[in-house]
Each structure stands twice: as structure tokens, then as C-alpha cells.
C-alpha atoms as a PDB file:
ATOM      1  CA  UNK A   1     316.719  41.948  91.045  1.00  0.00           C
ATOM      2  CA  UNK A   2     315.828  43.220  94.343  1.00  0.00           C
ATOM      3  CA  UNK A   3     313.333  41.234  96.486  1.00  0.00           C
ATOM      4  CA  UNK A   4     310.042  41.918  94.917  1.00  0.00           C
ATOM      5  CA  UNK A   5     306.992  39.353  95.161  1.00  0.00           C
ATOM      6  CA  UNK A   6     304.808  40.973  93.182  1.00  0.00           C
ATOM      7  CA  UNK A   7     307.271  41.544  90.429  1.00  0.00           C
ATOM      8  CA  UNK A   8     308.419  37.937  90.376  1.00  0.00           C
ATOM      9  CA  UNK A   9     304.887  36.800  89.930  1.00  0.00           C
ATOM     10  CA  UNK A  10     304.124  39.046  86.860  1.00  0.00           C
ATOM     11  CA  UNK A  11     307.640  37.897  85.448  1.00  0.00           C
ATOM     12  CA  UNK A  12     306.445  34.275  85.644  1.00  0.00           C
ATOM     13  CA  UNK A  13     302.753  34.789  84.805  1.00  0.00           C
ATOM     14  CA  UNK A  14     304.136  36.295  81.478  1.00  0.00           C
ATOM     15  CA  UNK A  15     304.979  32.935  80.418  1.00  0.00           C
ATOM     16  CA  UNK A  16     302.261  31.025  78.300  1.00  0.00           C
ATOM     17  CA  UNK A  17     302.809  27.929  80.595  1.00  0.00           C
ATOM     18  CA  UNK A  18     304.261  28.704  83.984  1.00  0.00           C
ATOM     19  CA  UNK A  19     304.392  25.413  85.434  1.00  0.00           C
ATOM     20  CA  UNK A  20     307.092  24.836  82.836  1.00  0.00           C
ATOM     21  CA  UNK A  21     309.268  27.770  84.415  1.00  0.00           C
ATOM     22  CA  UNK A  22     312.257  27.157  86.163  1.00  0.00           C
ATOM     23  CA  UNK A  23     313.289  29.800  88.782  1.00  0.00           C
ATOM     24  CA  UNK A  24     316.546  30.186  90.050  1.00  0.00           C
ATOM     25  CA  UNK A  25     317.861  32.723  92.694  1.00  0.00           C
ATOM     26  CA  UNK A  26     321.521  33.696  93.310  1.00  0.00           C
ATOM     27  CA  UNK A  27     320.734  35.672  96.318  1.00  0.00           C
ATOM     28  CA  UNK A  28     319.576  34.037  99.806  1.00  0.00           C
ATOM     29  CA  UNK A  29     316.900  36.745 100.377  1.00  0.00           C
ATOM     30  CA  UNK A  30     314.727  35.253  98.063  1.00  0.00           C
ATOM     31  CA  UNK A  31     314.656  32.079 100.042  1.00  0.00           C
ATOM     32  CA  UNK A  32     311.855  32.896 102.315  1.00  0.00           C
ATOM     33  CA  UNK A  33     308.560  31.051 103.115  1.00  0.00           C
ATOM     34  CA  UNK A  34     306.473  33.706 101.021  1.00  0.00           C
ATOM     35  CA  UNK A  35     308.723  32.739  97.844  1.00  0.00           C
ATOM     36  CA  UNK A  36     308.392  29.152  98.482  1.00  0.00           C
ATOM     37  CA  UNK A  37     304.485  29.613  98.701  1.00  0.00           C
ATOM     38  CA  UNK A  38     304.178  31.880  95.561  1.00  0.00           C
ATOM     39  CA  UNK A  39     306.306  29.177  93.473  1.00  0.00           C
ATOM     40  CA  UNK A  40     303.761  26.632  94.865  1.00  0.00           C
ATOM     41  CA  UNK A  41     300.737  28.721  93.826  1.00  0.00           C
ATOM     42  CA  UNK A  42     301.967  29.408  90.522  1.00  0.00           C
ATOM     43  CA  UNK A  43     303.040  25.488  89.824  1.00  0.00           C
ATOM     44  CA  UNK A  44     306.540  26.675  88.720  1.00  0.00           C
ATOM     45  CA  UNK A  45     309.799  24.612  89.563  1.00  0.00           C
ATOM     46  CA  UNK A  46     312.112  26.148  92.013  1.00  0.00           C
ATOM     47  CA  UNK A  47     315.793  25.423  91.158  1.00  0.00           C
ATOM     48  CA  UNK A  48     317.856  23.976  93.826  1.00  0.00           C
ATOM     49  CA  UNK A  49     321.595  25.457  93.560  1.00  0.00           C
ATOM     50  CA  UNK A  50     324.661  24.220  94.404  1.00  0.00           C
ATOM     51  CA  UNK A  51     327.415  27.242  94.609  1.00  0.00           C
ATOM     52  CA  UNK A  52     329.736  28.758  96.662  1.00  0.00           C
ATOM     53  CA  UNK A  53     327.144  31.205  97.608  1.00  0.00           C
ATOM     54  CA  UNK A  54     324.222  28.607  98.008  1.00  0.00           C
ATOM     55  CA  UNK A  55     323.799  25.151  99.435  1.00  0.00           C
ATOM     56  CA  UNK A  56     321.258  22.439  98.243  1.00  0.00           C
ATOM     57  CA  UNK A  57     317.934  23.105  99.945  1.00  0.00           C
ATOM     58  CA  UNK A  58     315.259  20.590  99.517  1.00  0.00           C
ATOM     59  CA  UNK A  59     312.587  23.063  98.272  1.00  0.00           C
ATOM     60  CA  UNK A  60     310.114  21.479  96.235  1.00  0.00           C
ATOM     61  CA  UNK A  61     307.360  23.606  94.483  1.00  0.00           C
ATOM     62  CA  UNK A  62     306.058  21.149  92.115  1.00  0.00           C
ATOM     63  CA  UNK A  63     306.371  17.582  91.219  1.00  0.00           C
ATOM     64  CA  UNK A  64     309.370  18.276  89.183  1.00  0.00           C
ATOM     65  CA  UNK A  65     312.970  19.054  90.799  1.00  0.00           C
ATOM     66  CA  UNK A  66     315.613  20.863  88.906  1.00  0.00           C
ATOM     67  CA  UNK A  67     319.094  20.806  90.487  1.00  0.00           C
ATOM     68  CA  UNK A  68     322.006  23.123  89.063  1.00  0.00           C
ATOM     69  CA  UNK A  69     325.359  22.431  89.987  1.00  0.00           C
ATOM     70  CA  UNK A  70     327.533  25.284  89.387  1.00  0.00           C
ATOM     71  CA  UNK A  71     330.362  24.021  91.704  1.00  0.00           C
ATOM     72  CA  UNK A  72     330.504  23.957  95.503  1.00  0.00           C
ATOM     73  CA  UNK A  73     333.985  25.678  96.495  1.00  0.00           C
ATOM     74  CA  UNK A  74     334.598  27.698  93.066  1.00  0.00           C
ATOM     75  CA  UNK A  75     332.129  28.810  90.443  1.00  0.00           C
ATOM     76  CA  UNK A  76     331.817  26.898  87.047  1.00  0.00           C
ATOM     77  CA  UNK A  77     334.958  25.438  86.549  1.00  0.00           C
ATOM     78  CA  UNK A  78     334.871  22.795  89.498  1.00  0.00           C
ATOM     79  CA  UNK A  79     335.144  19.278  89.669  1.00  0.00           C
ATOM     80  CA  UNK A  80     333.080  17.783  92.673  1.00  0.00           C
ATOM     81  CA  UNK A  81     334.722  14.964  94.656  1.00  0.00           C
ATOM     82  CA  UNK A  82     333.192  11.389  94.882  1.00  0.00           C
ATOM     83  CA  UNK A  83     332.038  12.300  98.303  1.00  0.00           C
ATOM     84  CA  UNK A  84     330.285  15.426  97.244  1.00  0.00           C
ATOM     85  CA  UNK A  85     328.736  13.523  94.088  1.00  0.00           C
ATOM     86  CA  UNK A  86     327.353  11.018  96.539  1.00  0.00           C
ATOM     87  CA  UNK A  87     325.851  13.415  98.566  1.00  0.00           C
ATOM     88  CA  UNK A  88     324.002  15.043  95.758  1.00  0.00           C
ATOM     89  CA  UNK A  89     322.881  11.489  94.870  1.00  0.00           C
ATOM     90  CA  UNK A  90     321.338  10.892  97.935  1.00  0.00           C
ATOM     91  CA  UNK A  91     320.022  14.419  98.359  1.00  0.00           C
ATOM     92  CA  UNK A  92     318.300  13.815  94.832  1.00  0.00           C
ATOM     93  CA  UNK A  93     317.020  10.513  95.842  1.00  0.00           C
ATOM     94  CA  UNK A  94     315.487  12.061  99.102  1.00  0.00           C
ATOM     95  CA  UNK A  95     313.454  14.391  96.860  1.00  0.00           C
ATOM     96  CA  UNK A  96     311.278  11.531  95.873  1.00  0.00           C
ATOM     97  CA  UNK A  97     309.784  11.690  99.504  1.00  0.00           C
ATOM     98  CA  UNK A  98     308.181  14.973  98.303  1.00  0.00           C
ATOM     99  CA  UNK A  99     306.082  13.817  95.674  1.00  0.00           C
ATOM    100  CA  UNK A 100     309.019  14.762  92.954  1.00  0.00           C
ATOM    101  CA  UNK A 101     308.505  12.323  90.098  1.00  0.00           C
ATOM    102  CA  UNK A 102     310.715  13.744  87.868  1.00  0.00           C
ATOM    103  CA  UNK A 103     314.497  15.539  88.650  1.00  0.00           C
ATOM    104  CA  UNK A 104     316.717  16.911  86.380  1.00  0.00           C
ATOM    105  CA  UNK A 105     320.378  17.487  87.359  1.00  0.00           C
ATOM    106  CA  UNK A 106     323.037  20.012  85.510  1.00  0.00           C
ATOM    107  CA  UNK A 107     326.242  20.128  86.232  1.00  0.00           C
ATOM    108  CA  UNK A 108     327.805  23.581  84.596  1.00  0.00           C
ATOM    109  CA  UNK A 109     329.661  23.099  81.568  1.00  0.00           C
ATOM    110  CA  UNK A 110     333.366  23.800  81.728  1.00  0.00           C
ATOM    111  CA  UNK A 111     336.551  24.163  79.860  1.00  0.00           C
ATOM    112  CA  UNK A 112     338.015  20.801  81.594  1.00  0.00           C
ATOM    113  CA  UNK A 113     335.041  18.556  81.132  1.00  0.00           C
ATOM    114  CA  UNK A 114     334.410  17.940  84.773  1.00  0.00           C
ATOM    115  CA  UNK A 115     330.784  18.406  84.160  1.00  0.00           C
ATOM    116  CA  UNK A 116     330.905  15.119  81.766  1.00  0.00           C
ATOM    117  CA  UNK A 117     332.955  13.183  84.373  1.00  0.00           C
ATOM    118  CA  UNK A 118     330.704  14.228  87.235  1.00  0.00           C
ATOM    119  CA  UNK A 119     327.772  13.424  85.568  1.00  0.00           C
ATOM    120  CA  UNK A 120     328.852   9.833  84.384  1.00  0.00           C
ATOM    121  CA  UNK A 121     329.762   9.293  87.988  1.00  0.00           C
ATOM    122  CA  UNK A 122     326.508  10.571  89.111  1.00  0.00           C
ATOM    123  CA  UNK A 123     324.581   8.377  86.798  1.00  0.00           C
ATOM    124  CA  UNK A 124     326.463   5.203  87.921  1.00  0.00           C
ATOM    125  CA  UNK A 125     325.692   5.748  91.562  1.00  0.00           C
ATOM    126  CA  UNK A 126     321.821   6.795  90.754  1.00  0.00           C
ATOM    127  CA  UNK A 127     321.482   3.415  88.539  1.00  0.00           C
ATOM    128  CA  UNK A 128     323.308   1.252  90.985  1.00  0.00           C
ATOM    129  CA  UNK A 129     320.398   1.865  93.351  1.00  0.00           C
ATOM    130  CA  UNK A 130     317.811  -0.162  90.801  1.00  0.00           C
END
């Protein structure tokens, strides 16, 4: 979708509950202060994306954060290293400094079940801090 804030706003407002909408961008051209301000104004959730084309950025537009992990060096079929997962855990913990009270973290489902292994390790890391 070409960069068009008016169209984005219309699309979000088409939902009955815009504050429950999660918006994921796959193109860096959308990562502008204007885009962030629009998402904040509407109260919807910015999807923080990790992929070969996007790095994790600490944008928060509501009290809920949503992190989608497609694969750092390869799309979809990717096993995160322990060091990469530790960095993700630290990143997620730092989001709470931005008044985030709920964080969803999703690993991309894959044929080799890397997502399950990665999620278990991430959960262990996050629970060990409690």
C-alpha cells in the first residue's frame, strides 16, 4: 500500500473498535512521526516487527505492545539464537518504561518448529526475572 495517511486512518476507523487494531508495516517508508502520531491519536497498536527488512523499534502507541518475529536474517523459517532471544527479552522489558502494561510476542510459525523452541526459551528468560 502506498504511503497515504488519510487512507490508513479510514481503514483503521472502519473497524468497530479501532483501539483493538494492530497495524504492521512491511515498508520503512511508513515509519514517520506522522504515522506514529496517527496511531496514537486513534489508540491503535503499532506492531513492532523483526524481519530481514525491519528491525525492532521501540514505538509504542497504546498501553499494549505487539511484537511480531518473522526471522532476523531469513523470513519465516528462522531459528533465533539465544543471544538474539536475550536481546528480544530485554527489548520487551524496556517497553514497560513507555507505560506499556500488556505485551504480546509472536514468533512466526514454521515447518521446523523453531517458533516453539524460541518461545519456550523466551518465556524462561522473562520468567527468570520475576
